[in-house]
């Protein structure tokens, strides 16, 4: 994988990429408070067939964190301009958690922009807070190792957490404006128009992947997305929590590559 920086709409953005461009691109969007590093295990698997890219969305990771309102419109505009900047025509868009909500809004706003849509435990329908989300917010505001470890354990439904990523999360949440961007993104997500009824307007082939042990956005929401997105495919990963692409990358990669190929 390579790490690069570009300027998008005046903001400095970090991204990682792997694979050789063969005309087909996979663009991965991380969740709230996460970074491109969440995709580090899956990008080399996707790169065997395609050009795979994961940015630190503006406001997160090691990208710039401006004093703006982190609304859905702001994020959708970023995705559109980032893809154009890297000349990614008709990418396959993969979005996890908050990134899933952004991916859906992007598909609704630019229905001709993407080829296929892959959603991993997307946000947007769940408006109430789960206990795991409350602990995750606490870990972001008070980034100690114990707080972060507890939050990630609840997300995954497992006592095993990746220590390196956990410590990276702690470091990132202490960067200037990181906490502001985190909370602003939560408010932007919750105040966005409810898109449950608009999910029927998605026209691109859609795959939904959900970890059965997801503690952050519980599995019960999977069927709501599946029933509303026409001809969508739902794959349940029984032994995974909120981040199956990080917890079981080989299995997740196989699912994604099969969907993309077909």
Protein backbone atom coordinates (compact mmCIF):
# COMPACT_ATOMS: atom_id res chain seq x y z
CA UNK A 1 0.00 0.00 0.00
CA UNK A 2 1.00 3.59 -0.58
CA UNK A 3 0.15 6.64 1.49
CA UNK A 4 -0.44 9.90 -0.34
CA UNK A 5 -1.77 13.39 0.28
CA UNK A 6 -3.83 15.57 -2.03
CA UNK A 7 -5.84 18.77 -1.71
CA UNK A 8 -9.60 18.46 -2.07
CA UNK A 9 -11.69 21.64 -2.01
CA UNK A 10 -8.80 23.39 -0.27
CA UNK A 11 -8.35 20.75 2.45
CA UNK A 12 -5.34 18.48 2.81
CA UNK A 13 -6.43 14.86 2.62
CA UNK A 14 -4.52 11.69 3.35
CA UNK A 15 -5.39 8.46 1.58
CA UNK A 16 -3.98 5.00 1.12
CA UNK A 17 -4.23 2.96 -2.06
CA UNK A 18 -3.20 -0.37 -3.50
CA UNK A 19 -3.50 -2.15 -6.81
CA UNK A 20 -3.01 -1.14 -10.41
CA UNK A 21 -5.67 0.88 -12.15
CA UNK A 22 -7.38 -1.32 -14.72
CA UNK A 23 -10.35 0.93 -15.26
CA UNK A 24 -12.22 -0.33 -12.20
CA UNK A 25 -11.87 1.35 -8.81
CA UNK A 26 -13.09 0.53 -5.30
CA UNK A 27 -13.49 3.54 -3.01
CA UNK A 28 -13.80 2.73 0.72
CA UNK A 29 -15.33 5.16 3.23
CA UNK A 30 -14.65 4.63 6.93
CA UNK A 31 -16.96 5.30 9.84
CA UNK A 32 -17.23 7.89 12.60
CA UNK A 33 -13.92 8.65 14.29
CA UNK A 34 -12.12 6.07 12.17
CA UNK A 35 -9.49 6.45 9.47
CA UNK A 36 -8.25 4.85 6.27
CA UNK A 37 -6.29 2.48 8.52
CA UNK A 38 -9.51 0.57 9.23
CA UNK A 39 -9.29 -0.70 5.63
CA UNK A 40 -5.60 -1.65 5.81
CA UNK A 41 -6.30 -5.39 6.00
CA UNK A 42 -8.80 -5.50 3.16
CA UNK A 43 -7.18 -3.18 0.60
CA UNK A 44 -4.41 -5.67 -0.40
CA UNK A 45 -7.09 -8.33 -0.96
CA UNK A 46 -9.19 -6.07 -3.18
CA UNK A 47 -6.03 -4.84 -4.93
CA UNK A 48 -5.41 -8.29 -6.40
CA UNK A 49 -8.16 -7.48 -8.90
CA UNK A 50 -8.82 -3.76 -8.68
CA UNK A 51 -7.49 -0.34 -7.74
CA UNK A 52 -8.53 0.12 -4.09
CA UNK A 53 -8.49 3.50 -2.34
CA UNK A 54 -9.39 4.59 1.20
CA UNK A 55 -9.23 8.25 2.26
CA UNK A 56 -9.15 9.77 5.69
CA UNK A 57 -12.42 11.64 5.22
CA UNK A 58 -12.02 15.35 5.94
CA UNK A 59 -12.35 15.83 9.70
CA UNK A 60 -10.94 12.41 10.55
CA UNK A 61 -7.71 10.45 10.58
CA UNK A 62 -4.75 12.53 9.49
CA UNK A 63 -6.67 14.69 7.04
CA UNK A 64 -7.34 18.34 7.77
CA UNK A 65 -10.05 19.11 10.34
CA UNK A 66 -11.51 22.51 9.44
CA UNK A 67 -14.00 24.54 11.48
CA UNK A 68 -17.05 23.66 9.40
CA UNK A 69 -20.39 21.98 9.94
CA UNK A 70 -19.90 18.29 9.16
CA UNK A 71 -23.22 17.70 7.46
CA UNK A 72 -24.18 14.97 5.00
CA UNK A 73 -24.02 17.53 2.19
CA UNK A 74 -20.45 18.39 3.21
CA UNK A 75 -19.39 14.73 3.17
CA UNK A 76 -21.15 13.92 -0.11
CA UNK A 77 -19.48 16.90 -1.75
CA UNK A 78 -16.12 15.64 -0.45
CA UNK A 79 -16.63 12.14 -1.86
CA UNK A 80 -17.64 13.49 -5.25
CA UNK A 81 -14.64 15.81 -5.51
CA UNK A 82 -12.20 13.24 -4.09
CA UNK A 83 -13.24 10.68 -6.71
CA UNK A 84 -12.91 13.23 -9.49
CA UNK A 85 -9.53 14.38 -8.21
CA UNK A 86 -8.21 10.82 -8.44
CA UNK A 87 -10.00 10.30 -11.79
CA UNK A 88 -12.00 7.41 -10.40
CA UNK A 89 -14.77 7.04 -12.95
CA UNK A 90 -17.79 4.98 -11.84
CA UNK A 91 -16.14 3.51 -8.73
CA UNK A 92 -17.58 0.74 -6.62
CA UNK A 93 -18.42 2.60 -3.43
CA UNK A 94 -17.96 0.81 -0.10
CA UNK A 95 -19.20 2.56 3.02
CA UNK A 96 -19.08 1.40 6.63
CA UNK A 97 -21.15 2.84 9.48
CA UNK A 98 -21.16 6.65 9.01
CA UNK A 99 -19.33 5.99 5.75
CA UNK A 100 -22.29 3.82 4.74
CA UNK A 101 -24.69 6.68 5.33
CA UNK A 102 -22.43 8.95 3.27
CA UNK A 103 -22.26 6.31 0.52
CA UNK A 104 -26.06 6.07 0.40
CA UNK A 105 -26.47 9.84 0.22
CA UNK A 106 -23.82 9.91 -2.54
CA UNK A 107 -25.70 7.23 -4.50
CA UNK A 108 -28.93 9.21 -4.14
CA UNK A 109 -27.32 12.52 -5.15
CA UNK A 110 -25.18 11.17 -7.98
CA UNK A 111 -26.92 8.06 -9.27
CA UNK A 112 -24.72 7.99 -12.39
CA UNK A 113 -21.48 8.38 -10.44
CA UNK A 114 -21.05 4.88 -9.00
CA UNK A 115 -21.19 1.41 -10.49
CA UNK A 116 -22.10 -0.62 -7.40
CA UNK A 117 -22.78 0.07 -3.73
CA UNK A 118 -21.54 -1.99 -0.78
CA UNK A 119 -22.84 -1.08 2.67
CA UNK A 120 -21.36 -2.40 5.89
CA UNK A 121 -23.55 -1.80 8.96
CA UNK A 122 -24.57 1.63 7.63
CA UNK A 123 -25.78 4.45 9.84
CA UNK A 124 -28.78 6.57 8.97
CA UNK A 125 -31.84 4.63 10.14
CA UNK A 126 -30.87 4.12 13.79
CA UNK A 127 -31.64 7.45 15.42
CA UNK A 128 -31.42 6.37 19.06
CA UNK A 129 -28.05 5.78 20.68
CA UNK A 130 -26.87 2.28 21.57
CA UNK A 131 -24.81 1.57 24.73
CA UNK A 132 -21.78 0.80 22.55
CA UNK A 133 -22.15 4.13 20.74
CA UNK A 134 -22.34 5.95 24.08
CA UNK A 135 -19.11 4.28 25.18
CA UNK A 136 -17.49 5.09 21.83
CA UNK A 137 -18.38 8.77 22.20
CA UNK A 138 -16.93 8.72 25.73
CA UNK A 139 -13.73 7.14 24.38
CA UNK A 140 -13.46 9.87 21.74
CA UNK A 141 -13.96 12.66 24.27
CA UNK A 142 -11.71 11.03 26.89
CA UNK A 143 -9.26 8.99 24.79
CA UNK A 144 -7.62 6.67 27.29
CA UNK A 145 -6.61 3.13 26.39
CA UNK A 146 -9.16 1.59 28.77
CA UNK A 147 -12.02 3.70 27.38
CA UNK A 148 -11.09 2.92 23.78
CA UNK A 149 -10.57 -0.78 24.50
CA UNK A 150 -13.99 -1.07 26.13
CA UNK A 151 -15.69 0.68 23.21
CA UNK A 152 -14.00 -1.49 20.58
CA UNK A 153 -14.80 -4.66 22.52
CA UNK A 154 -18.49 -3.74 22.56
CA UNK A 155 -18.44 -2.92 18.84
CA UNK A 156 -16.90 -6.26 17.95
CA UNK A 157 -18.81 -8.32 20.48
CA UNK A 158 -15.47 -9.77 21.52
CA UNK A 159 -12.80 -9.20 24.13
CA UNK A 160 -10.10 -9.23 21.44
CA UNK A 161 -9.15 -5.81 20.08
CA UNK A 162 -6.28 -4.69 17.88
CA UNK A 163 -3.93 -2.82 20.23
CA UNK A 164 -2.14 -0.96 17.43
CA UNK A 165 -5.35 0.44 15.96
CA UNK A 166 -6.67 1.24 19.45
CA UNK A 167 -3.60 3.32 20.26
CA UNK A 168 -3.79 5.01 16.86
CA UNK A 169 -7.39 5.99 17.64
CA UNK A 170 -6.23 7.51 20.94
CA UNK A 171 -3.50 9.49 19.18
CA UNK A 172 -5.84 10.73 16.46
CA UNK A 173 -8.50 11.88 18.91
CA UNK A 174 -5.93 14.13 20.57
CA UNK A 175 -5.15 15.97 17.33
CA UNK A 176 -6.36 19.58 17.03
CA UNK A 177 -10.09 19.82 16.25
CA UNK A 178 -10.55 16.02 16.22
CA UNK A 179 -13.14 16.04 19.00
CA UNK A 180 -15.05 18.91 17.41
CA UNK A 181 -15.20 17.12 14.04
CA UNK A 182 -16.33 13.90 15.78
CA UNK A 183 -19.24 15.54 17.58
CA UNK A 184 -20.19 17.74 14.62
CA UNK A 185 -20.38 14.63 12.42
CA UNK A 186 -22.70 12.95 14.94
CA UNK A 187 -24.98 15.98 14.92
CA UNK A 188 -24.84 16.13 11.13
CA UNK A 189 -25.77 12.48 10.85
CA UNK A 190 -28.66 12.72 13.29
CA UNK A 191 -30.04 15.95 11.80
CA UNK A 192 -29.91 14.66 8.22
CA UNK A 193 -33.30 14.01 6.59
CA UNK A 194 -34.48 10.47 7.29
CA UNK A 195 -33.74 8.49 4.15
CA UNK A 196 -35.62 5.30 5.02
CA UNK A 197 -38.27 6.05 2.40
CA UNK A 198 -35.69 7.28 -0.12
CA UNK A 199 -33.79 3.98 -0.04
CA UNK A 200 -36.23 2.73 -2.66
CA UNK A 201 -34.71 5.28 -5.06
CA UNK A 202 -31.29 3.60 -5.10
CA UNK A 203 -30.81 2.24 -8.60
CA UNK A 204 -27.36 0.65 -8.49
CA UNK A 205 -26.70 -2.99 -7.52
CA UNK A 206 -26.31 -3.03 -3.74
CA UNK A 207 -24.71 -5.46 -1.31
CA UNK A 208 -25.35 -5.15 2.43
CA UNK A 209 -22.93 -6.86 4.83
CA UNK A 210 -23.68 -6.97 8.57
CA UNK A 211 -21.89 -8.57 11.49
CA UNK A 212 -24.35 -10.54 13.64
CA UNK A 213 -22.50 -9.47 16.81
CA UNK A 214 -22.50 -5.76 15.94
CA UNK A 215 -22.86 -3.84 19.20
CA UNK A 216 -22.76 -0.34 17.72
CA UNK A 217 -25.53 -0.56 15.10
CA UNK A 218 -27.41 -3.76 15.98
CA UNK A 219 -28.13 -6.41 13.36
CA UNK A 220 -31.88 -5.82 13.54
CA UNK A 221 -31.43 -2.79 11.28
CA UNK A 222 -30.00 -4.94 8.47
CA UNK A 223 -33.42 -6.15 7.34
CA UNK A 224 -34.75 -2.60 7.17
CA UNK A 225 -32.08 -1.63 4.65
CA UNK A 226 -32.46 -4.91 2.76
CA UNK A 227 -36.25 -4.62 2.44
CA UNK A 228 -36.11 -1.03 1.22
CA UNK A 229 -33.25 -1.21 -1.32
CA UNK A 230 -34.64 -2.92 -4.40
CA UNK A 231 -32.94 -6.18 -5.41
CA UNK A 232 -30.26 -5.73 -2.74
CA UNK A 233 -28.30 -8.67 -1.40
CA UNK A 234 -27.82 -9.18 2.34
CA UNK A 235 -24.91 -11.19 3.70
CA UNK A 236 -24.74 -11.88 7.43
CA UNK A 237 -21.31 -12.53 8.95
CA UNK A 238 -22.20 -14.58 12.01
CA UNK A 239 -18.83 -14.34 13.77
CA UNK A 240 -18.27 -10.60 13.30
CA UNK A 241 -19.13 -7.34 15.00
CA UNK A 242 -19.23 -3.81 13.60
CA UNK A 243 -16.13 -4.06 11.37
CA UNK A 244 -16.14 -7.41 9.49
CA UNK A 245 -13.65 -6.05 6.93
CA UNK A 246 -11.18 -5.59 9.80
CA UNK A 247 -12.14 -8.61 11.90
CA UNK A 248 -12.40 -11.20 9.08
CA UNK A 249 -10.75 -9.56 6.05
CA UNK A 250 -10.25 -12.73 4.00
CA UNK A 251 -13.90 -13.75 4.26
CA UNK A 252 -15.12 -10.20 3.72
CA UNK A 253 -12.84 -9.80 0.70
CA UNK A 254 -14.20 -12.98 -0.87
CA UNK A 255 -17.77 -11.73 -0.44
CA UNK A 256 -16.98 -8.34 -1.98
CA UNK A 257 -14.97 -9.69 -4.91
CA UNK A 258 -17.71 -12.17 -5.78
CA UNK A 259 -20.32 -9.40 -5.74
CA UNK A 260 -18.18 -7.07 -7.84
CA UNK A 261 -17.40 -9.80 -10.38
CA UNK A 262 -21.06 -10.68 -10.84
